[in-house]
Protein backbone atom coordinates (compact mmCIF):
# COMPACT_ATOMS: atom_id res chain seq x y z
CA MET A 1 0.00 0.00 0.00
CA GLU A 2 1.38 3.38 -1.00
CA LYS A 3 1.41 5.91 1.81
CA ARG A 4 -1.05 8.14 -0.06
CA TYR A 5 -3.77 5.44 0.34
CA LEU A 6 -3.10 5.31 4.07
CA ASP A 7 -3.24 9.10 4.36
CA SER A 8 -6.47 9.22 2.34
CA TYR A 9 -8.52 6.83 4.47
CA LYS A 10 -7.09 8.29 7.71
CA ARG A 11 -8.27 11.74 6.62
CA ILE A 12 -11.75 10.34 5.95
CA VAL A 13 -11.80 8.66 9.37
CA SER A 14 -10.79 11.88 11.10
CA GLU A 15 -13.44 13.98 9.36
CA ALA A 16 -16.23 11.39 9.63
CA ASN A 17 -15.72 11.08 13.40
CA ARG A 18 -16.31 14.82 13.73
CA LEU A 19 -19.72 14.39 12.03
CA PRO A 20 -19.26 17.31 9.58
CA LYS A 21 -22.28 19.49 8.86
CA ASN A 22 -23.86 19.87 5.45
CA ASN A 23 -22.68 23.22 4.04
CA LEU A 24 -23.62 22.56 0.42
CA LYS A 25 -25.19 25.55 -1.33
CA GLY A 26 -26.80 25.41 -4.75
CA LYS A 27 -24.92 28.42 -6.08
CA ASN A 28 -21.56 26.96 -4.98
CA LEU A 29 -22.35 23.68 -6.75
CA LYS A 30 -23.46 25.46 -9.93
CA SER A 31 -20.35 27.62 -9.88
CA ALA A 32 -18.03 24.63 -9.44
CA LEU A 33 -19.69 22.62 -12.21
CA SER A 34 -19.88 25.42 -14.78
CA SER A 35 -16.63 27.33 -14.15
CA GLN A 36 -14.63 27.83 -17.37
CA ASN A 37 -11.91 30.27 -16.35
CA ILE A 38 -9.58 27.70 -14.75
CA SER A 39 -7.46 24.84 -16.05
CA VAL A 40 -8.77 21.30 -16.40
CA GLU A 41 -6.36 20.19 -13.70
CA ARG A 42 -7.52 22.85 -11.23
CA LYS A 43 -11.20 22.23 -12.00
CA LYS A 44 -10.82 18.53 -11.31
CA GLN A 45 -9.13 19.28 -7.98
CA GLN A 46 -11.97 21.60 -6.97
CA LEU A 47 -14.62 19.06 -7.94
CA MET A 48 -12.84 16.31 -5.99
CA LYS A 49 -12.77 18.57 -2.95
CA LEU A 50 -16.50 19.24 -3.41
CA LEU A 51 -17.29 15.53 -3.82
CA HIS A 52 -15.33 14.69 -0.68
CA SER A 53 -17.17 17.34 1.32
CA ILE A 54 -20.68 16.33 0.15
CA ILE A 55 -20.19 12.60 0.75
CA LEU A 56 -18.60 13.07 4.19
CA SER A 57 -21.32 15.46 5.38
CA THR A 58 -24.10 13.28 3.92
CA LEU A 59 -23.02 9.90 5.32
CA SER A 60 -21.58 10.96 8.69
CA PHE A 61 -24.22 10.72 11.41
CA ASP A 62 -25.18 8.92 14.60
CA SER A 63 -26.31 5.59 13.16
CA ASN A 64 -27.53 4.36 16.56
CA SER A 65 -30.11 7.14 16.74
CA ALA A 66 -33.47 6.88 14.94
CA SER A 67 -33.52 10.66 14.50
CA GLY A 68 -29.96 10.53 13.18
CA ARG A 69 -30.93 7.95 10.56
CA LYS A 70 -33.98 10.01 9.60
CA LYS A 71 -31.88 13.14 9.10
CA ALA A 72 -29.30 11.18 7.09
CA LEU A 73 -32.04 9.88 4.82
CA ALA A 74 -33.24 13.43 4.19
CA LYS A 75 -29.68 14.64 3.55
CA LEU A 76 -29.01 11.87 1.04
CA LYS A 77 -32.23 12.69 -0.81
CA ASN A 78 -31.25 16.37 -0.89
CA ASN A 79 -27.64 15.75 -1.91
CA SER A 80 -27.83 12.70 -4.17
CA GLN A 81 -28.33 14.80 -7.30
CA ALA A 82 -25.38 17.03 -6.40
CA ILE A 83 -23.17 13.99 -5.78
CA ARG A 84 -24.16 12.36 -9.06
CA LEU A 85 -23.72 15.60 -11.06
CA THR A 86 -20.27 16.08 -9.57
CA ILE A 87 -19.29 12.50 -10.41
CA HIS A 88 -20.60 12.95 -13.97
CA LYS A 89 -18.54 16.12 -14.43
CA LEU A 90 -15.43 14.37 -13.09
CA LYS A 91 -16.03 11.48 -15.47
CA SER A 92 -16.36 13.97 -18.35
CA ILE A 93 -13.03 15.53 -17.44
CA ASN A 94 -11.49 12.06 -17.30
CA ASN A 95 -12.92 11.28 -20.74
CA TYR A 96 -11.28 14.41 -22.10
CA LEU A 97 -7.95 13.57 -20.47
CA GLU A 98 -8.08 9.99 -21.74
CA GLU A 99 -9.24 10.81 -25.26
CA ALA A 100 -7.42 14.08 -25.99
CA PHE A 101 -4.70 14.86 -23.45
CA LEU A 102 -3.13 11.37 -23.59
CA ARG A 103 -2.93 11.68 -27.37
CA GLU A 104 -1.13 15.00 -26.99
CA LEU A 105 1.34 13.23 -24.68
CA GLY A 106 1.80 10.49 -27.25
CA LEU A 107 0.55 7.81 -24.83
CA VAL A 108 -2.48 6.94 -26.99
CA LYS A 109 -2.60 6.77 -30.78
CA LYS A 110 -6.35 6.46 -31.32
CA PRO A 111 -9.30 7.40 -29.09
CA LEU A 112 -10.82 4.48 -27.19
CA VAL A 113 -14.19 4.97 -28.90
CA VAL A 114 -12.60 4.78 -32.37
CA ARG A 115 -10.75 1.59 -31.47
CA ALA A 116 -13.91 0.10 -29.97
CA ALA A 117 -15.97 0.93 -33.08
CA SER A 118 -13.48 -0.89 -35.30
CA SER A 119 -13.52 -4.04 -33.13
CA ARG A 120 -15.83 -7.00 -33.62
CA SER A 121 -17.53 -6.51 -30.27
CA PRO A 122 -17.33 -2.88 -29.08
CA GLU A 123 -18.95 -3.60 -25.69
CA LYS A 124 -16.55 -6.43 -24.84
CA PHE A 125 -13.63 -4.36 -26.09
CA LEU A 126 -14.55 -1.42 -23.84
CA GLU A 127 -15.13 -3.71 -20.88
CA LYS A 128 -11.70 -5.29 -21.33
CA GLU A 129 -9.95 -1.95 -21.82
CA ARG A 130 -11.59 -0.41 -18.78
CA LYS A 131 -10.80 -3.29 -16.44
CA THR A 132 -7.81 -2.10 -14.38
CA ILE A 133 -9.05 -3.08 -10.91
CA ASP A 134 -7.55 -6.53 -10.38
CA LYS A 135 -7.66 -8.94 -7.45
CA ASN A 136 -4.84 -7.16 -5.62
CA TYR A 137 -6.56 -3.79 -5.92
CA LEU A 138 -9.83 -5.27 -4.66
CA GLY A 139 -7.85 -6.58 -1.69
CA LEU A 140 -6.65 -3.03 -1.04
CA ILE A 141 -10.25 -1.76 -1.07
CA GLU A 142 -11.34 -4.60 1.25
CA HIS A 143 -8.53 -3.74 3.68
CA THR A 144 -9.60 -0.08 3.59
CA ILE A 145 -13.21 -1.07 4.40
CA TYR A 146 -11.95 -3.11 7.36
CA LYS A 147 -9.96 -0.17 8.73
CA LEU A 148 -12.80 2.29 8.15
CA MET A 149 -15.32 0.10 10.00
CA HIS A 150 -12.87 -0.36 12.84
CA GLU A 151 -11.99 3.32 13.24
CA ILE A 152 -15.13 5.31 12.34
CA VAL A 153 -17.22 5.61 15.49
CA PHE A 154 -20.68 5.29 13.93
CA PHE A 155 -19.88 1.99 12.19
CA ASP A 156 -20.67 -1.17 14.12
CA GLU A 157 -17.57 -3.36 14.44
CA LYS A 158 -19.76 -6.41 15.00
CA LEU A 159 -20.94 -6.16 11.38
CA PHE A 160 -17.56 -6.26 9.67
CA LYS A 161 -17.09 -10.01 9.96
CA ASN A 162 -17.30 -10.32 6.16
CA TYR A 163 -14.10 -8.28 5.80
CA SER A 164 -10.66 -9.32 6.94
CA GLN A 165 -7.56 -7.31 7.69
CA LYS A 166 -4.91 -7.92 5.08
CA GLU A 167 -1.20 -7.88 5.69
CA VAL A 168 0.02 -4.70 4.07
CA LYS A 169 3.38 -3.09 3.67
CA VAL A 170 3.30 0.69 3.45
CA ILE A 171 5.51 2.12 0.69
CA ASN A 172 6.66 5.64 1.48
CA LYS A 173 8.13 6.34 -1.96
CA GLU A 174 6.35 5.16 -5.09
CA LYS A 175 7.80 5.10 -8.57
CA LEU A 176 5.61 7.03 -11.00
CA GLU A 177 6.23 7.72 -14.68
CA ILE A 178 4.30 9.76 -17.22
CA LYS A 179 3.26 6.57 -19.02
CA ASP A 180 1.42 5.46 -15.83
CA LEU A 181 -1.14 8.23 -16.35
CA LYS A 182 -3.11 6.11 -18.82
CA ASN A 183 -3.91 3.33 -16.33
CA ILE A 184 -4.40 5.79 -13.46
CA LEU A 185 -7.14 7.61 -15.40
CA LYS A 186 -8.78 4.34 -16.43
CA ARG A 187 -8.80 3.13 -12.83
CA GLN A 188 -10.31 6.44 -11.68
CA SER A 189 -13.12 6.07 -14.22
CA GLU A 190 -13.89 2.56 -12.95
CA LEU A 191 -13.93 3.78 -9.37
CA PHE A 192 -16.18 6.72 -10.30
CA ASP A 193 -18.66 4.27 -11.88
CA ALA A 194 -18.64 2.12 -8.74
CA LEU A 195 -19.12 5.13 -6.45
CA GLU A 196 -21.97 6.44 -8.58
CA ALA A 197 -23.68 3.05 -8.26
CA LYS A 198 -23.62 3.50 -4.47
CA MET A 199 -25.36 6.89 -4.77
CA PRO A 200 -28.82 6.19 -6.26
CA PRO A 201 -31.08 8.90 -7.71
CA LYS A 202 -33.41 10.62 -5.26
CA ASN A 203 -36.49 8.60 -6.29
CA ASN A 204 -34.67 5.33 -5.59
CA ILE A 205 -33.54 6.26 -2.08
CA LYS A 206 -35.53 4.35 0.53
CA SER A 207 -35.47 4.36 4.31
CA MET A 208 -34.37 0.70 4.31
CA MET A 209 -30.96 1.87 3.05
CA PHE A 210 -30.37 3.29 6.52
CA THR A 211 -31.24 0.25 8.58
CA LYS A 212 -28.15 -0.77 10.52
CA GLN A 213 -27.59 -3.96 8.52
CA ASN A 214 -27.91 -2.28 5.10
CA PHE A 215 -26.10 0.96 5.92
CA HIS A 216 -23.05 -0.93 7.17
CA LYS A 217 -22.82 -2.75 3.85
CA TRP A 218 -22.87 0.12 1.34
CA ALA A 219 -21.63 3.18 3.25
CA PRO A 220 -18.15 1.81 4.18
CA LEU A 221 -17.68 0.78 0.54
CA ALA A 222 -18.65 4.30 -0.59
CA PHE A 223 -16.03 5.76 1.77
CA ALA A 224 -13.43 3.22 0.61
CA LEU A 225 -14.11 4.05 -3.06
CA LEU A 226 -13.80 7.78 -2.31
CA SER A 227 -10.52 7.09 -0.52
CA SER A 228 -9.15 5.12 -3.48
CA ILE A 229 -10.24 7.79 -5.98
CA GLU A 230 -8.47 10.48 -3.96
CA ALA A 231 -5.30 8.39 -3.80
CA GLU A 232 -5.39 7.84 -7.58
CA CYS A 233 -5.96 11.57 -8.13
CA GLY A 234 -2.92 12.20 -5.94
CA LYS A 235 -0.87 10.06 -8.34
CA GLU A 236 -2.29 11.99 -11.28
CA ASN A 237 -1.32 15.32 -9.70
CA SER A 238 2.23 14.06 -9.13
CA ILE A 239 2.51 13.14 -12.82
CA PHE A 240 1.18 16.55 -13.88
CA LEU A 241 4.02 18.07 -11.85
CA MET A 242 6.44 15.93 -13.87
CA VAL A 243 4.91 17.27 -17.09
CA LYS A 244 5.29 20.84 -15.86
CA ARG A 245 8.95 20.26 -15.00
CA ASN A 246 9.67 18.64 -18.37
CA LYS A 247 10.10 21.83 -20.40
CA SER A 248 10.56 20.17 -23.80
CA LEU A 249 7.47 17.97 -23.38
CA ARG A 250 5.42 20.88 -22.04
CA ALA A 251 6.47 23.10 -24.96
CA LYS A 252 5.49 20.37 -27.42
CA ILE A 253 2.06 19.92 -25.82
CA GLU A 254 1.37 23.66 -25.60
CA LYS A 255 2.36 24.15 -29.26
CA LYS A 256 -0.06 21.42 -30.33
CA ILE A 257 -2.84 22.79 -28.10
CA ARG A 258 -2.41 26.33 -29.45
CA TYR A 259 -2.65 25.00 -32.99
CA VAL A 260 -5.83 23.04 -32.29
CA ALA A 261 -7.35 25.94 -30.35
CA LYS A 262 -6.68 28.26 -33.28
CA GLU A 263 -8.37 25.82 -35.68
CA LYS A 264 -11.37 25.48 -33.36
CA GLU A 265 -11.66 29.27 -33.16
CA LYS A 266 -11.72 29.50 -36.97
CA MET A 267 -14.50 26.93 -37.11
CA LEU A 268 -16.55 28.88 -34.58
CA LYS A 269 -16.16 32.15 -36.47
CA LEU A 270 -17.12 30.53 -39.78
CA LYS A 271 -20.22 28.99 -38.21
CA GLU A 272 -21.21 32.34 -36.68
CA LYS A 273 -20.83 34.07 -40.06
CA ARG A 274 -23.04 31.47 -41.72
CA ILE A 275 -25.73 31.94 -39.10
CA LEU A 276 -25.63 35.72 -39.51
CA ALA A 277 -25.68 35.38 -43.30
CA MET A 278 -28.84 33.31 -43.05
CA GLU A 279 -30.37 36.15 -40.96
CA LYS A 280 -31.22 33.71 -38.20
CA ILE A 281 -30.32 34.02 -34.57
CA GLY A 282 -29.36 30.58 -33.45
CA LYS A 283 -27.23 28.87 -30.88
CA ILE A 284 -23.86 27.52 -31.92
CA GLU A 285 -23.64 23.87 -30.89
CA ASP A 286 -22.29 23.43 -27.39
CA ASP A 287 -19.90 20.69 -28.48
CA TYR A 288 -17.91 23.19 -30.57
CA ARG A 289 -17.62 25.64 -27.72
CA ASN A 290 -16.88 22.90 -25.19
CA ALA A 291 -14.15 21.45 -27.38
CA PHE A 292 -12.63 24.91 -27.80
CA HIS A 293 -12.82 25.51 -24.05
CA ASP A 294 -11.22 22.13 -23.28
CA TYR A 295 -8.18 22.81 -25.41
CA VAL A 296 -7.72 26.35 -24.12
CA SER A 297 -8.07 25.18 -20.51
CA ALA A 298 -5.59 22.36 -21.07
CA SER A 299 -2.93 24.87 -22.16
CA SER A 300 -2.63 26.06 -18.55
CA LEU A 301 -2.08 22.60 -17.03
């Protein structure tokens, strides 16, 4: 286990035991999701911080109290949409990084979707490509669940008999290379999917989710998934620092991004002229503007 995994779940334990209050405000969520004046890297960091805060404040409560469970149910219903929207936005950023940024780094030749479309069975191809969580990684998650249930005060230790403590060796220094970014992003996407599955839409949230037996099955896993995602994002941030320090690689990427951004800008202007020439006031497709924004934002990574 790398030390960053240990630090991640310990931070979650510390915050959960303080039973953090729900400080989520609609305007703050909207601002975080729609901000376009920051880099992709910075936006992802802000959204991860937001996701951490919402999940911790939503699932931290006195589980032995009927009123506590009732309040937690109400909080989950109020916050589930915000959690899911935040996860979706993070997955979108990951898709961009996997499909565009990795190509700029030369780590991927063709987008995953293009390769899947040219395969005999696209679904099986995507499933195989996405699968980066192996038996050892599942063991790491299981160990994290064990530690979380043992150390978070509102979890019942009597109910963690299905999980066992693994023998782990903590690695203080991990070896990371730029080429590792591909698998790190894939693993993040898998973990995001799993976490989203633990956060059902508002209409599917039932009081039975907060019975002691049920809550102690899904909530520790949600915390463990969040912990793993944060550790993987920590690896990603370390690699971005490598990219920033590699002047020749950074210059190459920025040159390519500027070229693509310039081409995207030309396309937008041409489309606007056509609309004006037709004497119609219309909306330029969001995908053009989003693509342009993505490339411009990436230049400040």
